[in-house]
N, C-alpha and C. Protein backbone atom coordinates (compact mmCIF):
# COMPACT_ATOMS: atom_id res chain seq x y z
N MET A 1 128.48 107.08 110.65
CA MET A 1 127.17 107.68 110.47
C MET A 1 126.10 106.59 110.57
N LYS A 2 125.05 106.84 111.32
CA LYS A 2 123.96 105.88 111.51
C LYS A 2 123.04 105.87 110.30
N ASP A 3 122.34 104.74 110.12
CA ASP A 3 121.39 104.63 109.00
C ASP A 3 120.37 105.75 109.03
N LYS A 4 119.88 106.07 110.22
CA LYS A 4 118.87 107.12 110.36
C LYS A 4 119.38 108.44 109.80
N ASP A 5 120.65 108.74 110.09
CA ASP A 5 121.24 109.98 109.60
C ASP A 5 121.36 109.98 108.07
N VAL A 6 121.69 108.83 107.51
CA VAL A 6 121.81 108.71 106.05
C VAL A 6 120.44 108.93 105.41
N TYR A 7 119.42 108.24 105.92
CA TYR A 7 118.07 108.39 105.37
C TYR A 7 117.57 109.83 105.53
N SER A 8 117.91 110.44 106.65
CA SER A 8 117.50 111.82 106.90
C SER A 8 118.15 112.75 105.87
N ALA A 9 119.44 112.55 105.62
CA ALA A 9 120.15 113.39 104.65
C ALA A 9 119.60 113.19 103.24
N VAL A 10 119.32 111.94 102.89
CA VAL A 10 118.75 111.65 101.56
C VAL A 10 117.39 112.32 101.42
N TYR A 11 116.57 112.23 102.46
CA TYR A 11 115.26 112.88 102.43
C TYR A 11 115.42 114.38 102.19
N ASP A 12 116.33 114.99 102.93
CA ASP A 12 116.55 116.45 102.79
C ASP A 12 116.95 116.83 101.37
N ILE A 13 117.82 116.03 100.76
CA ILE A 13 118.26 116.30 99.40
C ILE A 13 117.10 116.20 98.42
N VAL A 14 116.34 115.11 98.53
CA VAL A 14 115.20 114.91 97.63
C VAL A 14 114.16 115.99 97.85
N ASP A 15 113.90 116.33 99.10
CA ASP A 15 112.92 117.37 99.42
C ASP A 15 113.33 118.71 98.80
N GLU A 16 114.60 119.04 98.95
CA GLU A 16 115.11 120.29 98.39
C GLU A 16 114.98 120.31 96.86
N ASN A 17 115.32 119.19 96.23
CA ASN A 17 115.20 119.10 94.77
C ASN A 17 113.75 119.20 94.31
N MET A 18 112.86 118.61 95.07
CA MET A 18 111.43 118.70 94.73
C MET A 18 110.96 120.15 94.83
N LYS A 19 111.36 120.84 95.87
CA LYS A 19 110.96 122.24 96.05
C LYS A 19 111.50 123.11 94.92
N LYS A 20 112.75 122.87 94.52
CA LYS A 20 113.35 123.64 93.43
C LYS A 20 112.60 123.44 92.11
N SER A 21 112.05 122.24 91.93
CA SER A 21 111.34 121.95 90.68
C SER A 21 109.85 122.28 90.79
N GLY A 22 109.45 122.88 91.92
CA GLY A 22 108.05 123.28 92.09
C GLY A 22 107.15 122.18 92.62
N GLY A 23 107.73 121.09 93.02
CA GLY A 23 106.94 119.96 93.55
C GLY A 23 107.01 119.87 95.06
N LYS A 24 106.42 118.82 95.57
CA LYS A 24 106.41 118.59 97.01
C LYS A 24 106.38 117.09 97.25
N LEU A 25 107.17 116.64 98.21
CA LEU A 25 107.14 115.22 98.56
C LEU A 25 105.79 114.88 99.20
N GLY A 26 105.29 113.71 98.89
CA GLY A 26 103.99 113.29 99.42
C GLY A 26 104.09 112.54 100.73
N ILE A 27 105.25 112.57 101.35
CA ILE A 27 105.45 111.84 102.60
C ILE A 27 106.37 112.67 103.50
N SER A 28 106.07 112.69 104.77
CA SER A 28 106.86 113.49 105.71
C SER A 28 108.18 112.80 106.05
N LYS A 29 109.12 113.58 106.49
CA LYS A 29 110.42 113.04 106.90
C LYS A 29 110.26 112.06 108.05
N GLU A 30 109.41 112.42 109.00
CA GLU A 30 109.18 111.54 110.16
C GLU A 30 108.64 110.18 109.71
N LEU A 31 107.74 110.19 108.75
CA LEU A 31 107.16 108.95 108.26
C LEU A 31 108.19 108.11 107.51
N VAL A 32 109.01 108.76 106.72
CA VAL A 32 110.08 108.04 106.01
C VAL A 32 111.02 107.39 107.02
N LEU A 33 111.43 108.16 108.02
CA LEU A 33 112.35 107.63 109.01
C LEU A 33 111.74 106.50 109.83
N SER A 34 110.45 106.57 110.09
CA SER A 34 109.81 105.50 110.85
C SER A 34 109.76 104.20 110.04
N THR A 35 109.68 104.31 108.73
CA THR A 35 109.64 103.09 107.90
C THR A 35 110.99 102.40 107.83
N THR A 36 112.05 103.11 108.16
CA THR A 36 113.38 102.49 108.13
C THR A 36 113.60 101.57 109.32
N ARG A 37 112.73 101.64 110.31
CA ARG A 37 112.89 100.84 111.52
C ARG A 37 111.97 99.62 111.56
N ILE A 38 111.25 99.35 110.50
CA ILE A 38 110.32 98.22 110.52
C ILE A 38 110.90 97.03 109.78
N LYS A 39 110.42 95.86 110.15
CA LYS A 39 110.80 94.64 109.46
C LYS A 39 109.76 94.38 108.38
N PRO A 40 110.19 94.16 107.16
CA PRO A 40 109.23 93.89 106.08
C PRO A 40 108.35 92.68 106.42
N GLY A 41 107.06 92.83 106.17
CA GLY A 41 106.13 91.74 106.40
C GLY A 41 105.69 91.56 107.83
N LYS A 42 106.12 92.45 108.71
CA LYS A 42 105.73 92.36 110.12
C LYS A 42 105.35 93.75 110.61
N VAL A 43 104.34 93.81 111.47
CA VAL A 43 103.98 95.09 112.07
C VAL A 43 103.65 94.86 113.55
N ASP A 44 104.33 95.63 114.38
CA ASP A 44 104.10 95.58 115.82
C ASP A 44 103.06 96.66 116.14
N ILE A 45 101.83 96.22 116.39
CA ILE A 45 100.73 97.16 116.62
C ILE A 45 100.96 97.96 117.90
N LEU A 46 101.56 97.36 118.89
CA LEU A 46 101.85 98.08 120.13
C LEU A 46 102.77 99.27 119.84
N LYS A 47 103.83 99.06 119.10
CA LYS A 47 104.74 100.16 118.76
C LYS A 47 104.04 101.19 117.89
N LEU A 48 103.26 100.72 116.94
CA LEU A 48 102.52 101.63 116.07
C LEU A 48 101.55 102.48 116.87
N SER A 49 100.95 101.91 117.92
CA SER A 49 99.94 102.62 118.72
C SER A 49 100.53 103.77 119.54
N ARG A 50 101.83 103.85 119.62
CA ARG A 50 102.46 104.94 120.37
C ARG A 50 102.30 106.29 119.65
N GLU A 51 101.95 106.23 118.39
CA GLU A 51 101.69 107.44 117.61
C GLU A 51 100.37 108.02 118.08
N ARG A 52 100.36 109.24 118.56
CA ARG A 52 99.14 109.83 119.12
C ARG A 52 98.43 110.77 118.16
N ASN A 53 99.05 111.09 117.02
CA ASN A 53 98.41 111.93 116.02
C ASN A 53 97.66 111.01 115.05
N ASN A 54 96.34 111.17 114.96
CA ASN A 54 95.53 110.25 114.17
C ASN A 54 95.90 110.23 112.69
N GLU A 55 96.18 111.38 112.11
CA GLU A 55 96.55 111.39 110.69
C GLU A 55 97.87 110.67 110.45
N THR A 56 98.84 110.93 111.29
CA THR A 56 100.13 110.25 111.16
C THR A 56 99.96 108.76 111.39
N PHE A 57 99.11 108.40 112.36
CA PHE A 57 98.87 106.98 112.63
C PHE A 57 98.33 106.27 111.40
N VAL A 58 97.30 106.83 110.76
CA VAL A 58 96.70 106.14 109.61
C VAL A 58 97.69 106.07 108.45
N ARG A 59 98.51 107.08 108.30
CA ARG A 59 99.54 107.05 107.25
C ARG A 59 100.54 105.92 107.52
N LYS A 60 100.98 105.81 108.78
CA LYS A 60 101.91 104.75 109.15
C LYS A 60 101.25 103.37 109.00
N ALA A 61 100.01 103.27 109.42
CA ALA A 61 99.31 101.99 109.34
C ALA A 61 99.25 101.48 107.90
N TYR A 62 98.96 102.36 106.97
CA TYR A 62 98.91 101.95 105.56
C TYR A 62 100.28 101.47 105.08
N ILE A 63 101.32 102.18 105.46
CA ILE A 63 102.67 101.78 105.04
C ILE A 63 103.05 100.44 105.68
N PHE A 64 102.84 100.32 106.98
CA PHE A 64 103.27 99.12 107.69
C PHE A 64 102.39 97.91 107.40
N MET A 65 101.09 98.13 107.24
CA MET A 65 100.16 97.01 107.09
C MET A 65 99.82 96.68 105.64
N LEU A 66 99.89 97.68 104.77
CA LEU A 66 99.53 97.46 103.36
C LEU A 66 100.71 97.66 102.41
N ASN A 67 101.85 98.03 102.96
CA ASN A 67 103.07 98.23 102.17
C ASN A 67 102.93 99.30 101.10
N ARG A 68 102.17 100.33 101.42
CA ARG A 68 101.99 101.44 100.47
C ARG A 68 101.52 102.67 101.23
N GLN A 69 101.65 103.82 100.58
CA GLN A 69 101.12 105.05 101.16
C GLN A 69 99.60 105.06 101.02
N ILE A 70 98.97 105.78 101.90
CA ILE A 70 97.52 105.92 101.84
C ILE A 70 97.15 106.78 100.63
N ASP A 71 96.12 106.39 99.91
CA ASP A 71 95.68 107.19 98.76
C ASP A 71 94.77 108.32 99.25
N ASP A 72 94.58 109.33 98.40
CA ASP A 72 93.81 110.51 98.78
C ASP A 72 92.37 110.18 99.17
N THR A 73 91.76 109.25 98.46
CA THR A 73 90.37 108.87 98.75
C THR A 73 90.25 108.27 100.15
N ALA A 74 91.15 107.37 100.47
CA ALA A 74 91.12 106.74 101.80
C ALA A 74 91.41 107.76 102.90
N LEU A 75 92.37 108.65 102.64
CA LEU A 75 92.70 109.67 103.64
C LEU A 75 91.50 110.58 103.91
N LYS A 76 90.80 110.95 102.86
CA LYS A 76 89.60 111.79 103.03
C LYS A 76 88.54 111.05 103.84
N ALA A 77 88.39 109.75 103.59
CA ALA A 77 87.41 108.96 104.33
C ALA A 77 87.77 108.89 105.81
N TRP A 78 89.06 108.74 106.13
CA TRP A 78 89.48 108.66 107.52
C TRP A 78 89.42 110.00 108.23
N LYS A 79 89.52 111.10 107.49
CA LYS A 79 89.52 112.44 108.11
C LYS A 79 88.29 112.67 108.98
N ALA A 80 87.18 112.08 108.61
CA ALA A 80 85.95 112.24 109.40
C ALA A 80 86.11 111.71 110.82
N GLN A 81 87.08 110.83 111.03
CA GLN A 81 87.28 110.25 112.36
C GLN A 81 88.49 110.81 113.10
N PHE A 82 89.19 111.78 112.53
CA PHE A 82 90.40 112.31 113.15
C PHE A 82 90.16 112.90 114.54
N LYS A 83 88.94 113.30 114.84
CA LYS A 83 88.68 113.91 116.15
C LYS A 83 88.40 112.88 117.24
N LEU A 84 88.33 111.61 116.87
CA LEU A 84 88.14 110.56 117.86
C LEU A 84 89.37 110.47 118.76
N PRO A 85 89.20 109.95 119.97
CA PRO A 85 90.37 109.70 120.82
C PRO A 85 91.31 108.73 120.08
N PRO A 86 92.62 108.90 120.22
CA PRO A 86 93.56 108.06 119.47
C PRO A 86 93.31 106.56 119.60
N GLU A 87 93.03 106.08 120.79
CA GLU A 87 92.83 104.63 120.95
C GLU A 87 91.63 104.14 120.13
N GLU A 88 90.54 104.88 120.15
CA GLU A 88 89.36 104.48 119.39
C GLU A 88 89.64 104.56 117.89
N PHE A 89 90.29 105.63 117.46
CA PHE A 89 90.63 105.79 116.05
C PHE A 89 91.55 104.66 115.59
N GLN A 90 92.56 104.37 116.39
CA GLN A 90 93.51 103.32 116.03
C GLN A 90 92.84 101.96 115.95
N ARG A 91 91.94 101.69 116.87
CA ARG A 91 91.20 100.42 116.84
C ARG A 91 90.42 100.31 115.53
N ASN A 92 89.79 101.41 115.11
CA ASN A 92 89.03 101.41 113.85
C ASN A 92 89.93 101.16 112.65
N VAL A 93 91.06 101.85 112.62
CA VAL A 93 91.98 101.72 111.48
C VAL A 93 92.54 100.30 111.40
N VAL A 94 93.07 99.81 112.51
CA VAL A 94 93.67 98.47 112.52
C VAL A 94 92.62 97.42 112.16
N GLY A 95 91.43 97.53 112.74
CA GLY A 95 90.36 96.56 112.44
C GLY A 95 89.94 96.59 110.99
N THR A 96 89.82 97.77 110.43
CA THR A 96 89.40 97.91 109.02
C THR A 96 90.46 97.36 108.09
N ILE A 97 91.71 97.75 108.30
CA ILE A 97 92.78 97.27 107.43
C ILE A 97 92.95 95.76 107.56
N LYS A 98 92.88 95.27 108.80
CA LYS A 98 93.06 93.84 109.05
C LYS A 98 92.03 92.99 108.30
N GLN A 99 90.83 93.54 108.11
CA GLN A 99 89.77 92.80 107.43
C GLN A 99 89.78 92.97 105.91
N SER A 100 90.71 93.77 105.40
CA SER A 100 90.73 94.04 103.96
C SER A 100 91.39 92.91 103.18
N GLU A 101 90.96 92.77 101.95
CA GLU A 101 91.55 91.78 101.04
C GLU A 101 93.01 92.12 100.77
N GLU A 102 93.30 93.40 100.66
CA GLU A 102 94.67 93.84 100.39
C GLU A 102 95.62 93.40 101.52
N PHE A 103 95.19 93.55 102.76
CA PHE A 103 96.01 93.12 103.89
C PHE A 103 96.25 91.62 103.83
N PHE A 104 95.21 90.87 103.51
CA PHE A 104 95.31 89.42 103.41
C PHE A 104 96.31 89.03 102.32
N GLN A 105 96.22 89.69 101.18
CA GLN A 105 97.11 89.37 100.07
C GLN A 105 98.56 89.74 100.34
N ASN A 106 98.78 90.79 101.12
CA ASN A 106 100.15 91.20 101.43
C ASN A 106 100.84 90.28 102.43
N GLN A 107 100.07 89.48 103.12
CA GLN A 107 100.58 88.52 104.11
C GLN A 107 101.50 89.19 105.14
N VAL A 108 101.07 90.33 105.63
CA VAL A 108 101.80 91.01 106.70
C VAL A 108 101.37 90.39 108.02
N ARG A 109 102.34 90.07 108.84
CA ARG A 109 102.06 89.45 110.14
C ARG A 109 101.99 90.54 111.20
N MET A 110 100.88 90.57 111.93
CA MET A 110 100.74 91.50 113.04
C MET A 110 101.13 90.79 114.33
N TYR A 111 101.79 91.50 115.21
CA TYR A 111 102.01 90.97 116.55
C TYR A 111 101.85 92.10 117.56
N ASN A 112 101.68 91.72 118.81
CA ASN A 112 101.35 92.67 119.87
C ASN A 112 100.13 93.51 119.48
N ASN A 113 99.13 92.84 118.92
CA ASN A 113 97.92 93.56 118.50
C ASN A 113 97.05 93.87 119.71
N ILE A 114 97.21 95.06 120.23
CA ILE A 114 96.47 95.45 121.42
C ILE A 114 95.00 95.69 121.12
N TYR A 115 94.63 95.68 119.83
CA TYR A 115 93.24 95.91 119.45
C TYR A 115 92.54 94.63 119.01
N SER A 116 93.15 93.50 119.28
CA SER A 116 92.57 92.23 118.88
C SER A 116 91.26 91.99 119.62
N GLU A 117 90.29 91.46 118.89
CA GLU A 117 89.00 91.14 119.50
C GLU A 117 89.03 89.75 120.14
N ASN A 118 90.13 89.05 120.05
CA ASN A 118 90.23 87.69 120.56
C ASN A 118 90.79 87.64 121.98
N ASN A 119 90.71 88.73 122.70
CA ASN A 119 91.20 88.75 124.07
C ASN A 119 90.11 88.26 125.02
N SER A 120 90.54 87.79 126.19
CA SER A 120 89.60 87.09 127.05
C SER A 120 89.04 87.86 128.23
N PHE A 121 89.48 89.07 128.48
CA PHE A 121 88.97 89.83 129.61
C PHE A 121 88.22 91.06 129.13
N GLY A 122 88.14 92.11 129.95
CA GLY A 122 87.43 93.31 129.50
C GLY A 122 88.06 94.64 129.83
N GLY A 123 88.88 95.49 129.44
CA GLY A 123 89.61 96.70 129.73
C GLY A 123 91.00 96.52 129.18
N LYS A 124 92.00 97.18 129.70
CA LYS A 124 93.39 96.97 129.25
C LYS A 124 94.33 97.05 130.42
N PHE A 125 95.46 96.41 130.32
CA PHE A 125 96.48 96.49 131.34
C PHE A 125 97.14 97.86 131.25
N ALA A 126 96.38 98.92 131.52
CA ALA A 126 96.90 100.28 131.40
C ALA A 126 98.07 100.50 132.36
N ASP A 127 98.02 99.82 133.50
CA ASP A 127 99.07 100.01 134.50
C ASP A 127 100.43 99.48 134.05
N ILE A 128 100.45 98.63 133.04
CA ILE A 128 101.74 98.17 132.54
C ILE A 128 102.00 98.79 131.18
N GLY A 129 101.41 99.95 130.93
CA GLY A 129 101.76 100.78 129.81
C GLY A 129 101.23 100.34 128.46
N ARG A 130 99.94 99.99 128.36
CA ARG A 130 99.35 99.60 127.09
C ARG A 130 100.21 98.53 126.44
N THR A 131 100.48 97.51 127.17
CA THR A 131 101.45 96.52 126.73
C THR A 131 100.84 95.52 125.77
N ALA A 132 100.44 94.38 126.28
CA ALA A 132 99.94 93.34 125.39
C ALA A 132 98.52 93.62 124.95
N GLY A 133 97.86 94.58 125.57
CA GLY A 133 96.53 94.96 125.14
C GLY A 133 95.46 93.96 125.50
N ILE A 134 95.77 93.08 126.43
CA ILE A 134 94.76 92.12 126.83
C ILE A 134 93.78 92.83 127.73
N PRO A 135 92.50 92.86 127.34
CA PRO A 135 91.53 93.58 128.15
C PRO A 135 91.34 92.95 129.52
N VAL A 136 91.32 93.77 130.55
CA VAL A 136 91.09 93.30 131.91
C VAL A 136 90.21 94.28 132.65
N SER A 137 89.61 93.82 133.71
CA SER A 137 88.74 94.68 134.50
C SER A 137 89.58 95.58 135.41
N GLU A 138 88.93 96.56 136.00
CA GLU A 138 89.61 97.47 136.94
C GLU A 138 90.15 96.68 138.12
N ARG A 139 89.42 95.66 138.54
CA ARG A 139 89.85 94.83 139.65
C ARG A 139 91.17 94.12 139.33
N MET A 140 91.29 93.64 138.09
CA MET A 140 92.53 92.97 137.67
C MET A 140 93.69 93.95 137.65
N ARG A 141 93.44 95.19 137.25
CA ARG A 141 94.50 96.20 137.26
C ARG A 141 95.00 96.44 138.69
N LYS A 142 94.06 96.48 139.63
CA LYS A 142 94.44 96.70 141.03
C LYS A 142 95.27 95.52 141.55
N ILE A 143 94.87 94.32 141.18
CA ILE A 143 95.62 93.13 141.60
C ILE A 143 97.04 93.19 141.03
N TYR A 144 97.14 93.52 139.76
CA TYR A 144 98.46 93.63 139.14
C TYR A 144 99.31 94.68 139.87
N GLY A 145 98.70 95.80 140.20
CA GLY A 145 99.41 96.88 140.88
C GLY A 145 99.97 96.47 142.23
N LYS A 146 99.35 95.48 142.87
CA LYS A 146 99.79 95.05 144.20
C LYS A 146 100.78 93.88 144.13
N MET A 147 101.03 93.36 142.94
CA MET A 147 101.95 92.23 142.81
C MET A 147 103.38 92.67 143.11
N PRO A 148 104.16 91.74 143.71
CA PRO A 148 105.58 92.06 143.89
C PRO A 148 106.28 92.09 142.52
N PRO A 149 107.39 92.80 142.42
CA PRO A 149 108.07 92.97 141.14
C PRO A 149 108.34 91.67 140.37
N PHE A 150 108.75 90.60 141.07
CA PHE A 150 109.05 89.36 140.35
C PHE A 150 107.79 88.78 139.69
N MET A 151 106.62 88.97 140.32
CA MET A 151 105.37 88.48 139.73
C MET A 151 104.96 89.35 138.55
N LYS A 152 105.18 90.67 138.67
CA LYS A 152 104.88 91.56 137.54
C LYS A 152 105.73 91.17 136.34
N LYS A 153 107.00 90.90 136.60
CA LYS A 153 107.92 90.51 135.52
C LYS A 153 107.43 89.22 134.85
N THR A 154 107.01 88.26 135.65
CA THR A 154 106.51 87.00 135.11
C THR A 154 105.22 87.23 134.31
N ALA A 155 104.34 88.07 134.83
CA ALA A 155 103.08 88.37 134.12
C ALA A 155 103.37 89.01 132.77
N LYS A 156 104.32 89.93 132.73
CA LYS A 156 104.69 90.56 131.47
C LYS A 156 105.26 89.54 130.49
N LYS A 157 106.06 88.62 131.01
CA LYS A 157 106.66 87.59 130.16
C LYS A 157 105.56 86.70 129.55
N ILE A 158 104.60 86.33 130.37
CA ILE A 158 103.49 85.49 129.92
C ILE A 158 102.66 86.21 128.85
N LEU A 159 102.47 87.51 129.05
CA LEU A 159 101.67 88.30 128.11
C LEU A 159 102.44 88.68 126.85
N GLY A 160 103.74 88.43 126.84
CA GLY A 160 104.53 88.77 125.67
C GLY A 160 104.87 90.23 125.59
N VAL A 161 104.91 90.89 126.73
CA VAL A 161 105.19 92.33 126.77
C VAL A 161 106.68 92.57 126.64
N GLY A 162 107.04 93.57 125.83
CA GLY A 162 108.43 93.96 125.70
C GLY A 162 109.22 93.14 124.71
N ARG A 163 108.55 92.31 123.92
CA ARG A 163 109.27 91.53 122.90
C ARG A 163 109.46 92.34 121.67
């Protein structure tokens, strides 16, 4: 039996017991299972960004970046932005959490931060699948698209894509 199956079964048991006692779990099964795949003290922003539901994203971000569930007050504050496009919403969440004292104190290391403001170009390598998140112009995307496969592979390696 895989770890995921064990955690899934445990969640189901706890959820059922909570329902029988008139309660409700404050975290979804999907969110619990996603936390079983992370390394403590590290968060891969690229992997996190694959979540396209803004509410689920902010819930995951709090767990992965702050080592805790989002509180009701913070969730209500973020709800005003749920209608934003996912990339814009995610940039806001990651930037806000990254600048918080709590994030600093938790000493969580971010990598593959596609929303970093320390990038040197302007746009994103969308053609290589929102990879390293280094902003580039449309012209750079076209150049990348015309590269032979061995050069694309080298470019990805240089950018740290797929690590």
